[in-house]
């Protein structure tokens, strides 16, 4: 009976921790998407600047 009470006491803690993990996972996924977009924008700007200099030559 005592083991059952311990398991029931751990259940709310597990629920909170698992929810937190999914939130952190979502944040990292969003961060990865923003990082990829930032890299694409930087590469596009570099290509644009190089094309400006190559036209003048």
Protein backbone atom coordinates (compact mmCIF):
# COMPACT_ATOMS: atom_id res chain seq x y z
CA UNK A 1 0.00 0.00 0.00
CA UNK A 2 2.84 2.38 0.81
CA UNK A 3 4.42 1.82 -2.61
CA UNK A 4 1.14 2.75 -4.27
CA UNK A 5 1.06 6.06 -2.40
CA UNK A 6 4.62 6.81 -3.51
CA UNK A 7 3.75 6.10 -7.12
CA UNK A 8 0.70 8.36 -6.91
CA UNK A 9 2.81 11.10 -5.33
CA UNK A 10 5.32 10.94 -8.21
CA UNK A 11 2.63 11.11 -10.91
CA UNK A 12 1.97 14.89 -10.68
CA UNK A 13 5.70 15.56 -10.69
CA UNK A 14 6.17 13.45 -13.82
CA UNK A 15 3.30 15.24 -15.52
CA UNK A 16 4.86 18.66 -14.86
CA UNK A 17 8.34 17.55 -15.93
CA UNK A 18 7.18 15.90 -19.14
CA UNK A 19 5.21 19.01 -20.07
CA UNK A 20 8.28 21.14 -19.45
CA UNK A 21 10.34 18.89 -21.70
CA UNK A 22 7.89 19.32 -24.55
CA UNK A 23 7.99 23.10 -24.10
CA UNK A 24 11.79 23.10 -24.22
CA UNK A 25 11.69 20.90 -27.32
CA UNK A 26 9.36 23.38 -29.01
CA UNK A 27 11.65 26.28 -28.14
CA UNK A 28 14.67 24.50 -29.60
CA UNK A 29 12.77 23.61 -32.77
CA UNK A 30 11.73 27.24 -33.17
CA UNK A 31 15.32 28.31 -32.54
CA UNK A 32 16.57 25.96 -35.21
CA UNK A 33 14.09 27.34 -37.74
CA UNK A 34 15.06 30.93 -36.90
CA UNK A 35 18.74 29.97 -37.21
CA UNK A 36 18.23 28.44 -40.64
CA UNK A 37 16.31 31.51 -41.82
CA UNK A 38 19.05 33.80 -40.48
CA UNK A 39 21.74 31.84 -42.33
CA UNK A 40 19.75 32.02 -45.58
CA UNK A 41 19.29 35.78 -45.18
CA UNK A 42 23.01 36.32 -44.50
CA UNK A 43 23.98 34.24 -47.54
CA UNK A 44 21.51 36.19 -49.70
CA UNK A 45 22.98 39.50 -48.50
CA UNK A 46 26.52 38.30 -49.24
CA UNK A 47 25.49 37.21 -52.75
CA UNK A 48 23.79 40.57 -53.31
CA UNK A 49 26.90 42.50 -52.20
CA UNK A 50 29.17 40.37 -54.40
CA UNK A 51 26.87 40.93 -57.37
CA UNK A 52 27.01 44.71 -56.81
CA UNK A 53 30.80 44.67 -56.93
CA UNK A 54 30.93 42.37 -59.94
CA UNK A 55 28.65 44.67 -62.00
CA UNK A 56 30.92 47.68 -61.45
CA UNK A 57 34.00 45.86 -62.71
